[in-house]
Amino acid sequence: MQSDGWPKLQIGRFEREGETDFRARSREISKIVEGFRMGRYQGDIAEFMERRLIQLEERGLDRLAS
C-alpha cells in the first residue's frame, strides 16, 4: 500500500517484451491509473482512457503499434 492509501500497481512484463517498451508501457499505465485515482477523467475521455488502459494491460506496445 502506498502512503496515499492506494494499492501499489503491479505491472507485469510480457514475454519477449523489451525493457524499453516495458518501461514506456508501465509509465503510461501508471499515468492513466493516477488520473483515474485523482478523478481527472470524465465522460468520453474516461471511456477512451479505460479502453487504452485495457489495451496496455493486455498487449505490449509493439503489438499495439501494428
PDB file of N, CA and C in Angstrom:
ATOM      1  N   MET A   1       0.849  -1.170   0.000  1.00  0.00           N
ATOM      2  CA  MET A   1       0.000   0.000   0.000  1.00  0.00           C
ATOM      3  C   MET A   1       0.898   1.237   0.000  1.00  0.00           C
ATOM      4  N   GLN A   2       0.553   2.196  -0.835  1.00  0.00           N
ATOM      5  CA  GLN A   2       1.319   3.428  -0.905  1.00  0.00           C
ATOM      6  C   GLN A   2       0.899   4.371   0.212  1.00  0.00           C
ATOM      7  N   SER A   3       1.697   5.386   0.465  1.00  0.00           N
ATOM      8  CA  SER A   3       1.405   6.336   1.540  1.00  0.00           C
ATOM      9  C   SER A   3       0.110   7.109   1.299  1.00  0.00           C
ATOM     10  N   ASP A   4      -0.340   7.185   0.044  1.00  0.00           N
ATOM     11  CA  ASP A   4      -1.582   7.904  -0.249  1.00  0.00           C
ATOM     12  C   ASP A   4      -2.820   7.014  -0.102  1.00  0.00           C
ATOM     13  N   GLY A   5      -2.632   5.763   0.349  1.00  0.00           N
ATOM     14  CA  GLY A   5      -3.754   4.866   0.598  1.00  0.00           C
ATOM     15  C   GLY A   5      -4.131   3.960  -0.557  1.00  0.00           C
ATOM     16  N   TRP A   6      -3.606   4.222  -1.734  1.00  0.00           N
ATOM     17  CA  TRP A   6      -3.912   3.387  -2.900  1.00  0.00           C
ATOM     18  C   TRP A   6      -2.960   2.205  -2.941  1.00  0.00           C
ATOM     19  N   PRO A   7      -3.433   1.048  -3.399  1.00  0.00           N
ATOM     20  CA  PRO A   7      -2.528  -0.090  -3.539  1.00  0.00           C
ATOM     21  C   PRO A   7      -1.479   0.188  -4.618  1.00  0.00           C
ATOM     22  N   LYS A   8      -0.285  -0.321  -4.397  1.00  0.00           N
ATOM     23  CA  LYS A   8       0.796  -0.162  -5.369  1.00  0.00           C
ATOM     24  C   LYS A   8       0.463  -0.967  -6.620  1.00  0.00           C
ATOM     25  N   LEU A   9       0.737  -0.380  -7.780  1.00  0.00           N
ATOM     26  CA  LEU A   9       0.489  -1.068  -9.049  1.00  0.00           C
ATOM     27  C   LEU A   9       1.500  -2.185  -9.260  1.00  0.00           C
ATOM     28  N   GLN A  10       1.016  -3.302  -9.749  1.00  0.00           N
ATOM     29  CA  GLN A  10       1.860  -4.436 -10.104  1.00  0.00           C
ATOM     30  C   GLN A  10       1.721  -4.632 -11.612  1.00  0.00           C
ATOM     31  N   ILE A  11       2.695  -4.169 -12.361  1.00  0.00           N
ATOM     32  CA  ILE A  11       2.645  -4.257 -13.815  1.00  0.00           C
ATOM     33  C   ILE A  11       3.642  -5.311 -14.259  1.00  0.00           C
ATOM     34  N   GLY A  12       3.117  -6.358 -14.860  1.00  0.00           N
ATOM     35  CA  GLY A  12       3.970  -7.443 -15.307  1.00  0.00           C
ATOM     36  C   GLY A  12       4.541  -7.177 -16.692  1.00  0.00           C
ATOM     37  N   ARG A  13       5.673  -7.788 -16.924  1.00  0.00           N
ATOM     38  CA  ARG A  13       6.330  -7.668 -18.225  1.00  0.00           C
ATOM     39  C   ARG A  13       5.927  -8.853 -19.090  1.00  0.00           C
ATOM     40  N   PHE A  14       5.554  -8.580 -20.333  1.00  0.00           N
ATOM     41  CA  PHE A  14       5.175  -9.633 -21.257  1.00  0.00           C
ATOM     42  C   PHE A  14       6.406 -10.410 -21.718  1.00  0.00           C
ATOM     43  N   GLU A  15       6.163 -11.667 -22.063  1.00  0.00           N
ATOM     44  CA  GLU A  15       7.233 -12.482 -22.620  1.00  0.00           C
ATOM     45  C   GLU A  15       7.727 -11.822 -23.905  1.00  0.00           C
ATOM     46  N   ARG A  16       9.010 -11.713 -24.047  1.00  0.00           N
ATOM     47  CA  ARG A  16       9.678 -11.113 -25.218  1.00  0.00           C
ATOM     48  C   ARG A  16       9.457  -9.606 -25.332  1.00  0.00           C
ATOM     49  N   GLU A  17       8.941  -8.963 -24.291  1.00  0.00           N
ATOM     50  CA  GLU A  17       8.795  -7.503 -24.306  1.00  0.00           C
ATOM     51  C   GLU A  17      10.126  -6.889 -23.904  1.00  0.00           C
ATOM     52  N   GLY A  18      10.641  -6.007 -24.741  1.00  0.00           N
ATOM     53  CA  GLY A  18      11.909  -5.357 -24.451  1.00  0.00           C
ATOM     54  C   GLY A  18      11.808  -4.435 -23.241  1.00  0.00           C
ATOM     55  N   GLU A  19      12.933  -4.202 -22.624  1.00  0.00           N
ATOM     56  CA  GLU A  19      12.983  -3.346 -21.429  1.00  0.00           C
ATOM     57  C   GLU A  19      12.453  -1.941 -21.715  1.00  0.00           C
ATOM     58  N   THR A  20      12.828  -1.373 -22.846  1.00  0.00           N
ATOM     59  CA  THR A  20      12.383  -0.022 -23.205  1.00  0.00           C
ATOM     60  C   THR A  20      10.873   0.031 -23.377  1.00  0.00           C
ATOM     61  N   ASP A  21      10.317  -0.947 -24.084  1.00  0.00           N
ATOM     62  CA  ASP A  21       8.867  -0.999 -24.271  1.00  0.00           C
ATOM     63  C   ASP A  21       8.146  -1.215 -22.950  1.00  0.00           C
ATOM     64  N   PHE A  22       8.691  -2.099 -22.104  1.00  0.00           N
ATOM     65  CA  PHE A  22       8.076  -2.347 -20.809  1.00  0.00           C
ATOM     66  C   PHE A  22       8.029  -1.073 -19.967  1.00  0.00           C
ATOM     67  N   ARG A  23       9.135  -0.371 -19.929  1.00  0.00           N
ATOM     68  CA  ARG A  23       9.175   0.863 -19.124  1.00  0.00           C
ATOM     69  C   ARG A  23       8.198   1.918 -19.663  1.00  0.00           C
ATOM     70  N   ALA A  24       8.110   2.059 -20.980  1.00  0.00           N
ATOM     71  CA  ALA A  24       7.182   3.033 -21.575  1.00  0.00           C
ATOM     72  C   ALA A  24       5.734   2.631 -21.289  1.00  0.00           C
ATOM     73  N   ARG A  25       5.435   1.354 -21.442  1.00  0.00           N
ATOM     74  CA  ARG A  25       4.083   0.859 -21.175  1.00  0.00           C
ATOM     75  C   ARG A  25       3.737   1.027 -19.694  1.00  0.00           C
ATOM     76  N   SER A  26       4.673   0.717 -18.836  1.00  0.00           N
ATOM     77  CA  SER A  26       4.472   0.844 -17.403  1.00  0.00           C
ATOM     78  C   SER A  26       4.207   2.307 -17.002  1.00  0.00           C
ATOM     79  N   ARG A  27       4.978   3.220 -17.583  1.00  0.00           N
ATOM     80  CA  ARG A  27       4.767   4.656 -17.294  1.00  0.00           C
ATOM     81  C   ARG A  27       3.386   5.108 -17.735  1.00  0.00           C
ATOM     82  N   GLU A  28       2.961   4.676 -18.927  1.00  0.00           N
ATOM     83  CA  GLU A  28       1.657   5.089 -19.431  1.00  0.00           C
ATOM     84  C   GLU A  28       0.532   4.511 -18.569  1.00  0.00           C
ATOM     85  N   ILE A  29       0.652   3.251 -18.180  1.00  0.00           N
ATOM     86  CA  ILE A  29      -0.352   2.645 -17.300  1.00  0.00           C
ATOM     87  C   ILE A  29      -0.424   3.423 -15.989  1.00  0.00           C
ATOM     88  N   SER A  30       0.720   3.695 -15.405  1.00  0.00           N
ATOM     89  CA  SER A  30       0.754   4.431 -14.134  1.00  0.00           C
ATOM     90  C   SER A  30       0.108   5.800 -14.258  1.00  0.00           C
ATOM     91  N   LYS A  31       0.385   6.487 -15.348  1.00  0.00           N
ATOM     92  CA  LYS A  31      -0.185   7.817 -15.569  1.00  0.00           C
ATOM     93  C   LYS A  31      -1.711   7.754 -15.694  1.00  0.00           C
ATOM     94  N   ILE A  32      -2.209   6.774 -16.439  1.00  0.00           N
ATOM     95  CA  ILE A  32      -3.658   6.624 -16.619  1.00  0.00           C
ATOM     96  C   ILE A  32      -4.326   6.286 -15.290  1.00  0.00           C
ATOM     97  N   VAL A  33      -3.767   5.322 -14.557  1.00  0.00           N
ATOM     98  CA  VAL A  33      -4.352   4.921 -13.273  1.00  0.00           C
ATOM     99  C   VAL A  33      -4.347   6.094 -12.300  1.00  0.00           C
ATOM    100  N   GLU A  34      -3.257   6.840 -12.256  1.00  0.00           N
ATOM    101  CA  GLU A  34      -3.198   8.013 -11.380  1.00  0.00           C
ATOM    102  C   GLU A  34      -4.291   9.019 -11.752  1.00  0.00           C
ATOM    103  N   GLY A  35      -4.516   9.204 -13.055  1.00  0.00           N
ATOM    104  CA  GLY A  35      -5.568  10.106 -13.499  1.00  0.00           C
ATOM    105  C   GLY A  35      -6.940   9.669 -13.019  1.00  0.00           C
ATOM    106  N   PHE A  36      -7.215   8.358 -13.078  1.00  0.00           N
ATOM    107  CA  PHE A  36      -8.488   7.847 -12.558  1.00  0.00           C
ATOM    108  C   PHE A  36      -8.568   8.042 -11.055  1.00  0.00           C
ATOM    109  N   ARG A  37      -7.483   7.763 -10.354  1.00  0.00           N
ATOM    110  CA  ARG A  37      -7.480   7.897  -8.896  1.00  0.00           C
ATOM    111  C   ARG A  37      -7.720   9.344  -8.464  1.00  0.00           C
ATOM    112  N   MET A  38      -7.243  10.271  -9.257  1.00  0.00           N
ATOM    113  CA  MET A  38      -7.387  11.689  -8.921  1.00  0.00           C
ATOM    114  C   MET A  38      -8.658  12.302  -9.512  1.00  0.00           C
ATOM    115  N   GLY A  39      -9.451  11.502 -10.212  1.00  0.00           N
ATOM    116  CA  GLY A  39     -10.713  11.980 -10.771  1.00  0.00           C
ATOM    117  C   GLY A  39     -10.551  12.930 -11.943  1.00  0.00           C
ATOM    118  N   ARG A  40      -9.489  12.757 -12.711  1.00  0.00           N
ATOM    119  CA  ARG A  40      -9.202  13.665 -13.829  1.00  0.00           C
ATOM    120  C   ARG A  40     -10.004  13.379 -15.089  1.00  0.00           C
ATOM    121  N   TYR A  41     -10.556  12.182 -15.194  1.00  0.00           N
ATOM    122  CA  TYR A  41     -11.225  11.799 -16.430  1.00  0.00           C
ATOM    123  C   TYR A  41     -12.732  11.759 -16.231  1.00  0.00           C
ATOM    124  N   GLN A  42     -13.463  12.288 -17.212  1.00  0.00           N
ATOM    125  CA  GLN A  42     -14.920  12.318 -17.186  1.00  0.00           C
ATOM    126  C   GLN A  42     -15.457  11.914 -18.559  1.00  0.00           C
ATOM    127  N   GLY A  43     -16.631  11.358 -18.582  1.00  0.00           N
ATOM    128  CA  GLY A  43     -17.349  11.092 -19.824  1.00  0.00           C
ATOM    129  C   GLY A  43     -16.566  10.332 -20.872  1.00  0.00           C
ATOM    130  N   ASP A  44     -16.566  10.890 -22.085  1.00  0.00           N
ATOM    131  CA  ASP A  44     -15.910  10.237 -23.226  1.00  0.00           C
ATOM    132  C   ASP A  44     -14.416  10.041 -23.004  1.00  0.00           C
ATOM    133  N   ILE A  45     -13.780  10.989 -22.345  1.00  0.00           N
ATOM    134  CA  ILE A  45     -12.342  10.864 -22.087  1.00  0.00           C
ATOM    135  C   ILE A  45     -12.082   9.692 -21.152  1.00  0.00           C
ATOM    136  N   ALA A  46     -12.924   9.525 -20.144  1.00  0.00           N
ATOM    137  CA  ALA A  46     -12.775   8.394 -19.218  1.00  0.00           C
ATOM    138  C   ALA A  46     -12.938   7.075 -19.961  1.00  0.00           C
ATOM    139  N   GLU A  47     -13.908   7.007 -20.853  1.00  0.00           N
ATOM    140  CA  GLU A  47     -14.107   5.779 -21.626  1.00  0.00           C
ATOM    141  C   GLU A  47     -12.911   5.495 -22.521  1.00  0.00           C
ATOM    142  N   PHE A  48     -12.381   6.533 -23.176  1.00  0.00           N
ATOM    143  CA  PHE A  48     -11.199   6.367 -24.021  1.00  0.00           C
ATOM    144  C   PHE A  48     -10.006   5.887 -23.197  1.00  0.00           C
ATOM    145  N   MET A  49      -9.791   6.505 -22.041  1.00  0.00           N
ATOM    146  CA  MET A  49      -8.655   6.137 -21.199  1.00  0.00           C
ATOM    147  C   MET A  49      -8.815   4.711 -20.657  1.00  0.00           C
ATOM    148  N   GLU A  50     -10.030   4.314 -20.352  1.00  0.00           N
ATOM    149  CA  GLU A  50     -10.262   2.950 -19.892  1.00  0.00           C
ATOM    150  C   GLU A  50      -9.927   1.943 -20.986  1.00  0.00           C
ATOM    151  N   ARG A  51     -10.337   2.229 -22.222  1.00  0.00           N
ATOM    152  CA  ARG A  51     -10.006   1.336 -23.343  1.00  0.00           C
ATOM    153  C   ARG A  51      -8.492   1.266 -23.551  1.00  0.00           C
ATOM    154  N   ARG A  52      -7.826   2.409 -23.461  1.00  0.00           N
ATOM    155  CA  ARG A  52      -6.367   2.446 -23.630  1.00  0.00           C
ATOM    156  C   ARG A  52      -5.685   1.633 -22.530  1.00  0.00           C
ATOM    157  N   LEU A  53      -6.168   1.768 -21.311  1.00  0.00           N
ATOM    158  CA  LEU A  53      -5.598   1.023 -20.195  1.00  0.00           C
ATOM    159  C   LEU A  53      -5.740  -0.483 -20.418  1.00  0.00           C
ATOM    160  N   ILE A  54      -6.897  -0.907 -20.871  1.00  0.00           N
ATOM    161  CA  ILE A  54      -7.121  -2.329 -21.154  1.00  0.00           C
ATOM    162  C   ILE A  54      -6.165  -2.810 -22.237  1.00  0.00           C
ATOM    163  N   GLN A  55      -6.009  -2.013 -23.289  1.00  0.00           N
ATOM    164  CA  GLN A  55      -5.075  -2.388 -24.364  1.00  0.00           C
ATOM    165  C   GLN A  55      -3.660  -2.556 -23.821  1.00  0.00           C
ATOM    166  N   LEU A  56      -3.222  -1.618 -23.007  1.00  0.00           N
ATOM    167  CA  LEU A  56      -1.865  -1.668 -22.472  1.00  0.00           C
ATOM    168  C   LEU A  56      -1.663  -2.847 -21.536  1.00  0.00           C
ATOM    169  N   GLU A  57      -2.703  -3.216 -20.811  1.00  0.00           N
ATOM    170  CA  GLU A  57      -2.583  -4.326 -19.882  1.00  0.00           C
ATOM    171  C   GLU A  57      -2.652  -5.684 -20.586  1.00  0.00           C
ATOM    172  N   GLU A  58      -3.280  -5.728 -21.749  1.00  0.00           N
ATOM    173  CA  GLU A  58      -3.435  -6.998 -22.461  1.00  0.00           C
ATOM    174  C   GLU A  58      -2.373  -7.239 -23.513  1.00  0.00           C
ATOM    175  N   ARG A  59      -1.815  -6.176 -24.061  1.00  0.00           N
ATOM    176  CA  ARG A  59      -0.856  -6.313 -25.157  1.00  0.00           C
ATOM    177  C   ARG A  59       0.311  -5.363 -24.951  1.00  0.00           C
ATOM    178  N   GLY A  60       1.444  -5.726 -25.481  1.00  0.00           N
ATOM    179  CA  GLY A  60       2.606  -4.851 -25.427  1.00  0.00           C
ATOM    180  C   GLY A  60       2.498  -3.723 -26.439  1.00  0.00           C
ATOM    181  N   LEU A  61       3.337  -2.723 -26.286  1.00  0.00           N
ATOM    182  CA  LEU A  61       3.336  -1.562 -27.180  1.00  0.00           C
ATOM    183  C   LEU A  61       3.616  -1.951 -28.614  1.00  0.00           C
ATOM    184  N   ASP A  62       4.518  -2.918 -28.828  1.00  0.00           N
ATOM    185  CA  ASP A  62       4.855  -3.300 -30.198  1.00  0.00           C
ATOM    186  C   ASP A  62       3.648  -3.897 -30.902  1.00  0.00           C
ATOM    187  N   ARG A  63       2.801  -4.633 -30.196  1.00  0.00           N
ATOM    188  CA  ARG A  63       1.599  -5.195 -30.821  1.00  0.00           C
ATOM    189  C   ARG A  63       0.505  -4.149 -30.984  1.00  0.00           C
ATOM    190  N   LEU A  64       0.498  -3.105 -30.163  1.00  0.00           N
ATOM    191  CA  LEU A  64      -0.484  -2.029 -30.323  1.00  0.00           C
ATOM    192  C   LEU A  64      -0.172  -1.187 -31.550  1.00  0.00           C
ATOM    193  N   ALA A  65       1.106  -1.059 -31.859  1.00  0.00           N
ATOM    194  CA  ALA A  65       1.529  -0.225 -32.978  1.00  0.00           C
ATOM    195  C   ALA A  65       1.228  -0.875 -34.340  1.00  0.00           C
ATOM    196  N   SER A  66       1.147  -2.201 -34.357  1.00  0.00           N
ATOM    197  CA  SER A  66       0.957  -2.875 -35.650  1.00  0.00           C
ATOM    198  C   SER A  66      -0.500  -3.039 -36.009  1.00  0.00           C
TER     199      SER A  66
END
